[in-house]
Amino acid sequence: MKQEVKIYSVKSNAKINIGLRVLSKRKDGYHNIETIFYPAKIFDYLEIKIERLSEKAKKNEIIVKTSGKLKISGKDNICHKATELFLNSFDIAGRFKISISIKKQIPVGAGLGGGSGNAAVVLKILVKYFSKQTSGVSQLKRDKILHNITLHLGSDVPYFLKRNIAAYGTGRGEKLKEIPGFRIRDKILIVNPGILVSTPLTYKELKVNKPKSKILNTVSAFNESDTRLMINDFERVVFKKYPAIELIKLDMLRLGAVFALMSGSGST
């Protein structure tokens, strides 16, 4: 019997950080931060094929392929882990072949959350496809399971799973408060120098001597003269290691930008 194949063609966008402060080191090895996430109109394009396998199949098949300069495919891709966690966490009955093809437009290791956005889109599609199998789970419990999955995947994934608007993030970045009135009216120029910056290494090199108080939690709108928004604590570490990234920021300001800031841990 021929199995039905469901195909979804979707896209996932990037994000930028408007202000990013590292507040303290946590006991679990992570850091408490505060930042404002803002959606950026750069997209990766995904095709997700889901096929139910025969009853003889012993396990699920998950295939992830990417195109782009840096190909992160198979089990190394965050979308593979997202799919695996979803199927196990919701105890999905039956066996499935899930093939994910990603056309990368968002640079990798760039502070734009490309991989996190991909993973969030995959989770949304899986929720849609397996809606009948998860219908016995209350909305509250389903949201809690999904939130736990995102925490295993990365600190930016919870943001991409929510509505695609500006949001204040604290904790690891997973505690979110939407800021509907925070909009950037100016055009946004995004420059990436093609330098791959490791987020874990950058955190390791960033010394947090004593806890800091929050200052971004009362921001309700974008103002290019608001000095609170002009801080990215990672800049002092990344600029020292990669002077070319600092030069980009200085050039943008010299050429008339009203605001310029590195996104995330760089290099954008």
C-alpha atoms as a PDB file:
ATOM      1  CA  MET A   1       0.000   0.000   0.000  1.00  0.00           C
ATOM      2  CA  LYS A   2       1.401   3.391  -1.012  1.00  0.00           C
ATOM      3  CA  GLN A   3       1.909   5.698   1.923  1.00  0.00           C
ATOM      4  CA  GLU A   4       0.653   9.278   1.822  1.00  0.00           C
ATOM      5  CA  VAL A   5       3.349  11.967   1.785  1.00  0.00           C
ATOM      6  CA  LYS A   6       2.591  15.400   3.190  1.00  0.00           C
ATOM      7  CA  ILE A   7       4.856  18.233   2.009  1.00  0.00           C
ATOM      8  CA  TYR A   8       5.168  21.638   3.656  1.00  0.00           C
ATOM      9  CA  SER A   9       7.072  24.538   2.091  1.00  0.00           C
ATOM     10  CA  VAL A  10       7.815  27.194   4.704  1.00  0.00           C
ATOM     11  CA  LYS A  11      10.335  29.883   5.529  1.00  0.00           C
ATOM     12  CA  SER A  12      11.992  30.996   8.745  1.00  0.00           C
ATOM     13  CA  ASN A  13      13.287  34.488   9.414  1.00  0.00           C
ATOM     14  CA  ALA A  14      16.285  35.823  11.298  1.00  0.00           C
ATOM     15  CA  LYS A  15      16.375  38.047  14.384  1.00  0.00           C
ATOM     16  CA  ILE A  16      18.579  40.861  15.565  1.00  0.00           C
ATOM     17  CA  ASN A  17      19.263  41.989  19.122  1.00  0.00           C
ATOM     18  CA  ILE A  18      18.583  45.600  20.062  1.00  0.00           C
ATOM     19  CA  GLY A  19      20.593  45.785  23.280  1.00  0.00           C
ATOM     20  CA  LEU A  20      22.120  42.707  24.908  1.00  0.00           C
ATOM     21  CA  ARG A  21      23.439  42.554  28.447  1.00  0.00           C
ATOM     22  CA  VAL A  22      24.906  39.546  30.272  1.00  0.00           C
ATOM     23  CA  LEU A  23      23.695  39.884  33.858  1.00  0.00           C
ATOM     24  CA  SER A  24      25.173  36.947  35.782  1.00  0.00           C
ATOM     25  CA  LYS A  25      26.625  33.435  35.613  1.00  0.00           C
ATOM     26  CA  ARG A  26      24.191  30.686  36.565  1.00  0.00           C
ATOM     27  CA  LYS A  27      24.805  27.529  38.586  1.00  0.00           C
ATOM     28  CA  ASP A  28      23.825  25.403  35.563  1.00  0.00           C
ATOM     29  CA  GLY A  29      26.674  26.875  33.511  1.00  0.00           C
ATOM     30  CA  TYR A  30      24.477  29.186  31.447  1.00  0.00           C
ATOM     31  CA  HIS A  31      24.211  32.965  31.851  1.00  0.00           C
ATOM     32  CA  ASN A  32      21.296  35.216  32.704  1.00  0.00           C
ATOM     33  CA  ILE A  33      20.870  37.878  30.045  1.00  0.00           C
ATOM     34  CA  GLU A  34      18.487  40.588  28.993  1.00  0.00           C
ATOM     35  CA  THR A  35      17.867  41.620  25.420  1.00  0.00           C
ATOM     36  CA  ILE A  36      15.260  42.807  22.965  1.00  0.00           C
ATOM     37  CA  PHE A  37      14.672  40.407  20.097  1.00  0.00           C
ATOM     38  CA  TYR A  38      13.531  41.959  16.837  1.00  0.00           C
ATOM     39  CA  PRO A  39      12.512  40.094  13.639  1.00  0.00           C
ATOM     40  CA  ALA A  40      14.684  40.603  10.542  1.00  0.00           C
ATOM     41  CA  LYS A  41      13.570  40.073   6.958  1.00  0.00           C
ATOM     42  CA  ILE A  42      16.203  37.534   5.944  1.00  0.00           C
ATOM     43  CA  PHE A  43      14.860  34.031   5.370  1.00  0.00           C
ATOM     44  CA  ASP A  44      15.844  30.389   5.137  1.00  0.00           C
ATOM     45  CA  TYR A  45      13.522  28.211   3.049  1.00  0.00           C
ATOM     46  CA  LEU A  46      12.490  24.772   4.273  1.00  0.00           C
ATOM     47  CA  GLU A  47      10.721  21.843   2.664  1.00  0.00           C
ATOM     48  CA  ILE A  48       9.443  19.298   5.153  1.00  0.00           C
ATOM     49  CA  LYS A  49       8.178  15.915   3.930  1.00  0.00           C
ATOM     50  CA  ILE A  50       6.347  13.631   6.350  1.00  0.00           C
ATOM     51  CA  GLU A  51       5.494  10.059   5.421  1.00  0.00           C
ATOM     52  CA  ARG A  52       3.966   7.354   7.622  1.00  0.00           C
ATOM     53  CA  LEU A  53       5.983   4.148   7.376  1.00  0.00           C
ATOM     54  CA  SER A  54       4.582   0.630   7.387  1.00  0.00           C
ATOM     55  CA  GLU A  55       3.919  -1.193  10.635  1.00  0.00           C
ATOM     56  CA  LYS A  56       7.045  -3.284   9.975  1.00  0.00           C
ATOM     57  CA  ALA A  57       9.308  -0.258  10.388  1.00  0.00           C
ATOM     58  CA  LYS A  58      11.248  -0.473  13.643  1.00  0.00           C
ATOM     59  CA  LYS A  59      12.203   3.169  14.002  1.00  0.00           C
ATOM     60  CA  ASN A  60      11.601   6.658  12.666  1.00  0.00           C
ATOM     61  CA  GLU A  61      13.736   8.029   9.844  1.00  0.00           C
ATOM     62  CA  ILE A  62      14.866  11.638  10.117  1.00  0.00           C
ATOM     63  CA  ILE A  63      16.802  13.132   7.222  1.00  0.00           C
ATOM     64  CA  VAL A  64      18.107  16.710   7.228  1.00  0.00           C
ATOM     65  CA  LYS A  65      19.939  18.253   4.275  1.00  0.00           C
ATOM     66  CA  THR A  66      21.116  21.838   3.885  1.00  0.00           C
ATOM     67  CA  SER A  67      22.442  23.977   1.082  1.00  0.00           C
ATOM     68  CA  GLY A  68      24.808  26.872   1.630  1.00  0.00           C
ATOM     69  CA  LYS A  69      28.458  27.559   2.303  1.00  0.00           C
ATOM     70  CA  LEU A  70      28.502  25.720   5.621  1.00  0.00           C
ATOM     71  CA  LYS A  71      26.446  22.546   5.325  1.00  0.00           C
ATOM     72  CA  ILE A  72      25.262  21.289   8.715  1.00  0.00           C
ATOM     73  CA  SER A  73      23.247  18.188   7.872  1.00  0.00           C
ATOM     74  CA  GLY A  74      22.091  14.971   9.487  1.00  0.00           C
ATOM     75  CA  LYS A  75      22.242  14.583  13.265  1.00  0.00           C
ATOM     76  CA  ASP A  76      24.460  17.657  13.577  1.00  0.00           C
ATOM     77  CA  ASN A  77      21.588  19.903  12.465  1.00  0.00           C
ATOM     78  CA  ILE A  78      19.355  21.421  15.136  1.00  0.00           C
ATOM     79  CA  CYS A  79      16.261  20.443  13.102  1.00  0.00           C
ATOM     80  CA  HIS A  80      17.161  16.747  13.487  1.00  0.00           C
ATOM     81  CA  LYS A  81      17.289  17.147  17.256  1.00  0.00           C
ATOM     82  CA  ALA A  82      14.045  19.166  17.264  1.00  0.00           C
ATOM     83  CA  THR A  83      12.223  16.420  15.342  1.00  0.00           C
ATOM     84  CA  GLU A  84      13.606  13.663  17.554  1.00  0.00           C
ATOM     85  CA  LEU A  85      12.676  15.504  20.740  1.00  0.00           C
ATOM     86  CA  PHE A  86       9.158  16.231  19.465  1.00  0.00           C
ATOM     87  CA  LEU A  87       8.415  12.603  18.540  1.00  0.00           C
ATOM     88  CA  ASN A  88       9.748  11.321  21.867  1.00  0.00           C
ATOM     89  CA  SER A  89       8.286  14.038  24.098  1.00  0.00           C
ATOM     90  CA  PHE A  90       4.758  13.619  22.713  1.00  0.00           C
ATOM     91  CA  ASP A  91       5.159   9.830  22.469  1.00  0.00           C
ATOM     92  CA  ILE A  92       3.915   9.829  18.863  1.00  0.00           C
ATOM     93  CA  ALA A  93       2.487   6.445  17.876  1.00  0.00           C
ATOM     94  CA  GLY A  94       3.635   4.782  14.633  1.00  0.00           C
ATOM     95  CA  ARG A  95       6.805   5.215  12.622  1.00  0.00           C
ATOM     96  CA  PHE A  96       7.491   8.101  10.252  1.00  0.00           C
ATOM     97  CA  LYS A  97      10.009   9.264   7.692  1.00  0.00           C
ATOM     98  CA  ILE A  98      10.610  12.986   8.069  1.00  0.00           C
ATOM     99  CA  SER A  99      12.821  14.647   5.468  1.00  0.00           C
ATOM    100  CA  ILE A 100      13.870  18.268   5.905  1.00  0.00           C
ATOM    101  CA  SER A 101      15.625  20.246   3.159  1.00  0.00           C
ATOM    102  CA  ILE A 102      16.909  23.693   4.091  1.00  0.00           C
ATOM    103  CA  LYS A 103      17.996  26.361   1.643  1.00  0.00           C
ATOM    104  CA  LYS A 104      20.201  28.585   3.779  1.00  0.00           C
ATOM    105  CA  GLN A 105      20.154  32.346   3.254  1.00  0.00           C
ATOM    106  CA  ILE A 106      20.862  33.336   6.864  1.00  0.00           C
ATOM    107  CA  PRO A 107      24.600  33.133   7.672  1.00  0.00           C
ATOM    108  CA  VAL A 108      25.655  30.492  10.223  1.00  0.00           C
ATOM    109  CA  GLY A 109      27.354  31.574  13.462  1.00  0.00           C
ATOM    110  CA  ALA A 110      26.301  35.133  12.766  1.00  0.00           C
ATOM    111  CA  GLY A 111      24.182  36.136  15.782  1.00  0.00           C
ATOM    112  CA  LEU A 112      21.022  36.083  13.653  1.00  0.00           C
ATOM    113  CA  GLY A 113      19.424  32.923  15.067  1.00  0.00           C
ATOM    114  CA  GLY A 114      19.122  31.136  11.723  1.00  0.00           C
ATOM    115  CA  GLY A 115      19.319  27.611  13.125  1.00  0.00           C
ATOM    116  CA  SER A 116      17.012  28.448  16.025  1.00  0.00           C
ATOM    117  CA  GLY A 117      14.429  29.828  13.600  1.00  0.00           C
ATOM    118  CA  ASN A 118      14.664  26.665  11.491  1.00  0.00           C
ATOM    119  CA  ALA A 119      14.054  24.481  14.550  1.00  0.00           C
ATOM    120  CA  ALA A 120      11.046  26.550  15.655  1.00  0.00           C
ATOM    121  CA  VAL A 121       9.435  26.298  12.194  1.00  0.00           C
ATOM    122  CA  VAL A 122       9.949  22.525  12.188  1.00  0.00           C
ATOM    123  CA  LEU A 123       8.269  22.269  15.600  1.00  0.00           C
ATOM    124  CA  LYS A 124       5.300  24.334  14.360  1.00  0.00           C
ATOM    125  CA  ILE A 125       4.854  22.034  11.356  1.00  0.00           C
ATOM    126  CA  LEU A 126       5.078  18.915  13.524  1.00  0.00           C
ATOM    127  CA  VAL A 127       2.436  20.341  15.881  1.00  0.00           C
ATOM    128  CA  LYS A 128       0.199  20.945  12.849  1.00  0.00           C
ATOM    129  CA  TYR A 129       0.740  17.505  11.269  1.00  0.00           C
ATOM    130  CA  PHE A 130       0.354  15.551  14.511  1.00  0.00           C
ATOM    131  CA  SER A 131      -2.539  17.649  15.853  1.00  0.00           C
ATOM    132  CA  LYS A 132      -4.870  14.622  16.055  1.00  0.00           C
ATOM    133  CA  GLN A 133      -2.318  12.544  17.951  1.00  0.00           C
ATOM    134  CA  THR A 134      -1.747  15.332  20.466  1.00  0.00           C
ATOM    135  CA  SER A 135      -5.408  16.364  20.777  1.00  0.00           C
ATOM    136  CA  GLY A 136      -5.687  14.473  24.070  1.00  0.00           C
ATOM    137  CA  VAL A 137      -3.092  16.777  25.597  1.00  0.00           C
ATOM    138  CA  SER A 138      -4.366  20.062  27.047  1.00  0.00           C
ATOM    139  CA  GLN A 139      -3.130  23.293  25.446  1.00  0.00           C
ATOM    140  CA  LEU A 140      -1.342  24.220  28.672  1.00  0.00           C
ATOM    141  CA  LYS A 141       0.502  20.891  28.849  1.00  0.00           C
ATOM    142  CA  ARG A 142       1.307  20.989  25.123  1.00  0.00           C
ATOM    143  CA  ASP A 143       2.808  24.461  25.485  1.00  0.00           C
ATOM    144  CA  LYS A 144       4.852  23.277  28.479  1.00  0.00           C
ATOM    145  CA  ILE A 145       6.212  20.278  26.545  1.00  0.00           C
ATOM    146  CA  LEU A 146       7.108  22.482  23.580  1.00  0.00           C
ATOM    147  CA  HIS A 147       8.801  24.989  25.881  1.00  0.00           C
ATOM    148  CA  ASN A 148      10.891  22.211  27.452  1.00  0.00           C
ATOM    149  CA  ILE A 149      11.905  21.035  23.969  1.00  0.00           C
ATOM    150  CA  THR A 150      13.044  24.541  23.021  1.00  0.00           C
ATOM    151  CA  LEU A 151      15.209  24.775  26.156  1.00  0.00           C
ATOM    152  CA  HIS A 152      17.052  21.624  25.081  1.00  0.00           C
ATOM    153  CA  LEU A 153      17.618  23.113  21.619  1.00  0.00           C
ATOM    154  CA  GLY A 154      18.878  26.624  22.367  1.00  0.00           C
ATOM    155  CA  SER A 155      18.107  29.874  24.145  1.00  0.00           C
ATOM    156  CA  ASP A 156      16.829  31.670  20.998  1.00  0.00           C
ATOM    157  CA  VAL A 157      14.337  28.957  19.978  1.00  0.00           C
ATOM    158  CA  PRO A 158      11.556  30.037  22.415  1.00  0.00           C
ATOM    159  CA  TYR A 159      11.499  33.488  20.784  1.00  0.00           C
ATOM    160  CA  PHE A 160      11.006  32.066  17.283  1.00  0.00           C
ATOM    161  CA  LEU A 161       8.231  29.797  18.532  1.00  0.00           C
ATOM    162  CA  LYS A 162       6.179  32.819  19.645  1.00  0.00           C
ATOM    163  CA  ARG A 163       4.588  35.538  17.529  1.00  0.00           C
ATOM    164  CA  ASN A 164       7.078  37.208  15.231  1.00  0.00           C
ATOM    165  CA  ILE A 165       7.272  40.636  16.904  1.00  0.00           C
ATOM    166  CA  ALA A 166       9.672  42.448  19.216  1.00  0.00           C
ATOM    167  CA  ALA A 167      10.061  40.823  22.622  1.00  0.00           C
ATOM    168  CA  TYR A 168      12.026  41.432  25.795  1.00  0.00           C
ATOM    169  CA  GLY A 169      13.961  38.317  26.767  1.00  0.00           C
ATOM    170  CA  THR A 170      15.536  37.460  30.099  1.00  0.00           C
ATOM    171  CA  GLY A 171      16.732  34.341  31.915  1.00  0.00           C
ATOM    172  CA  ARG A 172      18.706  32.495  29.235  1.00  0.00           C
ATOM    173  CA  GLY A 173      16.578  34.431  26.750  1.00  0.00           C
ATOM    174  CA  GLU A 174      13.643  32.054  27.108  1.00  0.00           C
ATOM    175  CA  LYS A 175      11.539  34.219  29.435  1.00  0.00           C
ATOM    176  CA  LEU A 176       9.744  36.498  27.020  1.00  0.00           C
ATOM    177  CA  LYS A 177       7.493  39.538  27.160  1.00  0.00           C
ATOM    178  CA  GLU A 178       6.165  40.855  23.859  1.00  0.00           C
ATOM    179  CA  ILE A 179       6.612  44.594  23.167  1.00  0.00           C
ATOM    180  CA  PRO A 180       3.928  45.430  20.561  1.00  0.00           C
ATOM    181  CA  GLY A 181       4.853  49.132  20.494  1.00  0.00           C
ATOM    182  CA  PHE A 182       8.527  48.491  19.738  1.00  0.00           C
ATOM    183  CA  ARG A 183       8.915  49.123  15.997  1.00  0.00           C
ATOM    184  CA  ILE A 184      11.846  50.358  13.933  1.00  0.00           C
ATOM    185  CA  ARG A 185      10.629  52.756  11.249  1.00  0.00           C
ATOM    186  CA  ASP A 186      14.049  53.323   9.658  1.00  0.00           C
ATOM    187  CA  LYS A 187      15.557  50.946   7.126  1.00  0.00           C
ATOM    188  CA  ILE A 188      17.807  48.306   8.648  1.00  0.00           C
ATOM    189  CA  LEU A 189      21.136  47.483   7.014  1.00  0.00           C
ATOM    190  CA  ILE A 190      22.485  44.082   8.051  1.00  0.00           C
ATOM    191  CA  VAL A 191      26.182  43.465   7.360  1.00  0.00           C
ATOM    192  CA  ASN A 192      27.856  40.095   7.877  1.00  0.00           C
ATOM    193  CA  PRO A 193      31.611  39.734   7.284  1.00  0.00           C
ATOM    194  CA  GLY A 194      31.549  35.952   6.895  1.00  0.00           C
ATOM    195  CA  ILE A 195      33.326  35.397  10.219  1.00  0.00           C
ATOM    196  CA  LEU A 196      32.050  32.394  12.198  1.00  0.00           C
ATOM    197  CA  VAL A 197      31.827  33.309  15.897  1.00  0.00           C
ATOM    198  CA  SER A 198      31.364  30.555  18.493  1.00  0.00           C
ATOM    199  CA  THR A 199      28.737  31.575  21.062  1.00  0.00           C
ATOM    200  CA  PRO A 200      29.966  29.146  23.799  1.00  0.00           C
ATOM    201  CA  LEU A 201      33.560  30.378  23.421  1.00  0.00           C
ATOM    202  CA  THR A 202      32.443  34.006  23.498  1.00  0.00           C
ATOM    203  CA  TYR A 203      30.511  33.407  26.725  1.00  0.00           C
ATOM    204  CA  LYS A 204      33.584  31.702  28.158  1.00  0.00           C
ATOM    205  CA  GLU A 205      35.806  34.696  27.380  1.00  0.00           C
ATOM    206  CA  LEU A 206      33.275  37.192  28.736  1.00  0.00           C
ATOM    207  CA  LYS A 207      34.032  37.763  32.406  1.00  0.00           C
ATOM    208  CA  VAL A 208      31.009  38.583  34.582  1.00  0.00           C
ATOM    209  CA  ASN A 209      32.515  39.645  37.900  1.00  0.00           C
ATOM    210  CA  LYS A 210      29.325  40.630  39.706  1.00  0.00           C
ATOM    211  CA  PRO A 211      25.592  40.457  38.916  1.00  0.00           C
ATOM    212  CA  LYS A 212      24.017  43.397  37.067  1.00  0.00           C
ATOM    213  CA  SER A 213      20.550  44.871  37.450  1.00  0.00           C
ATOM    214  CA  LYS A 214      18.080  44.875  34.556  1.00  0.00           C
ATOM    215  CA  ILE A 215      17.665  48.112  32.606  1.00  0.00           C
ATOM    216  CA  LEU A 216      15.894  46.989  29.411  1.00  0.00           C
ATOM    217  CA  ASN A 217      12.776  45.619  31.127  1.00  0.00           C
ATOM    218  CA  THR A 218      10.985  48.990  30.978  1.00  0.00           C
ATOM    219  CA  VAL A 219      11.696  49.702  27.288  1.00  0.00           C
ATOM    220  CA  SER A 220       8.423  50.036  25.391  1.00  0.00           C
ATOM    221  CA  ALA A 221       9.487  51.680  22.107  1.00  0.00           C
ATOM    222  CA  PHE A 222      12.535  52.088  19.897  1.00  0.00           C
ATOM    223  CA  ASN A 223      14.453  55.337  20.244  1.00  0.00           C
ATOM    224  CA  GLU A 224      17.844  55.605  18.565  1.00  0.00           C
ATOM    225  CA  SER A 225      19.019  58.001  21.278  1.00  0.00           C
ATOM    226  CA  ASP A 226      18.134  55.595  24.127  1.00  0.00           C
ATOM    227  CA  THR A 227      21.592  54.682  25.462  1.00  0.00           C
ATOM    228  CA  ARG A 228      20.202  51.538  27.115  1.00  0.00           C
ATOM    229  CA  LEU A 229      19.727  50.026  23.662  1.00  0.00           C
ATOM    230  CA  MET A 230      23.277  50.773  22.538  1.00  0.00           C
ATOM    231  CA  ILE A 231      24.909  48.090  24.684  1.00  0.00           C
ATOM    232  CA  ASN A 232      25.971  44.631  23.565  1.00  0.00           C
ATOM    233  CA  ASP A 233      28.290  43.160  26.197  1.00  0.00           C
ATOM    234  CA  PHE A 234      29.724  40.714  23.648  1.00  0.00           C
ATOM    235  CA  GLU A 235      31.203  43.552  21.586  1.00  0.00           C
ATOM    236  CA  ARG A 236      34.143  44.072  23.932  1.00  0.00           C
ATOM    237  CA  VAL A 237      35.167  40.416  23.566  1.00  0.00           C
ATOM    238  CA  VAL A 238      34.411  39.955  19.854  1.00  0.00           C
ATOM    239  CA  PHE A 239      35.877  43.283  18.701  1.00  0.00           C
ATOM    240  CA  LYS A 240      39.140  42.463  20.470  1.00  0.00           C
ATOM    241  CA  LYS A 241      39.373  39.094  18.725  1.00  0.00           C
ATOM    242  CA  TYR A 242      38.001  40.242  15.347  1.00  0.00           C
ATOM    243  CA  PRO A 243      38.825  43.944  14.747  1.00  0.00           C
ATOM    244  CA  ALA A 244      37.192  43.767  11.282  1.00  0.00           C
ATOM    245  CA  ILE A 245      33.772  43.496  12.951  1.00  0.00           C
ATOM    246  CA  GLU A 246      34.332  46.683  14.962  1.00  0.00           C
ATOM    247  CA  LEU A 247      35.432  48.460  11.774  1.00  0.00           C
ATOM    248  CA  ILE A 248      32.075  47.590  10.179  1.00  0.00           C
ATOM    249  CA  LYS A 249      30.244  49.214  13.088  1.00  0.00           C
ATOM    250  CA  LEU A 250      32.427  52.327  12.902  1.00  0.00           C
ATOM    251  CA  ASP A 251      31.954  52.561   9.123  1.00  0.00           C
ATOM    252  CA  MET A 252      28.172  52.334   9.480  1.00  0.00           C
ATOM    253  CA  LEU A 253      28.148  55.193  11.975  1.00  0.00           C
ATOM    254  CA  ARG A 254      30.585  57.245   9.870  1.00  0.00           C
ATOM    255  CA  LEU A 255      28.366  56.792   6.810  1.00  0.00           C
ATOM    256  CA  GLY A 256      25.255  58.077   8.553  1.00  0.00           C
ATOM    257  CA  ALA A 257      23.622  55.254  10.505  1.00  0.00           C
ATOM    258  CA  VAL A 258      21.628  56.613  13.450  1.00  0.00           C
ATOM    259  CA  PHE A 259      22.248  53.376  15.351  1.00  0.00           C
ATOM    260  CA  ALA A 260      24.699  50.480  14.950  1.00  0.00           C
ATOM    261  CA  LEU A 261      25.125  47.401  17.124  1.00  0.00           C
ATOM    262  CA  MET A 262      26.451  43.868  16.818  1.00  0.00           C
ATOM    263  CA  SER A 263      23.711  41.243  16.941  1.00  0.00           C
ATOM    264  CA  GLY A 264      23.937  38.431  19.482  1.00  0.00           C
ATOM    265  CA  SER A 265      27.472  37.112  19.919  1.00  0.00           C
ATOM    266  CA  GLY A 266      28.352  38.262  16.384  1.00  0.00           C
ATOM    267  CA  SER A 267      29.550  38.454  13.765  1.00  0.00           C
ATOM    268  CA  THR A 268      26.684  40.457  12.176  1.00  0.00           C
END
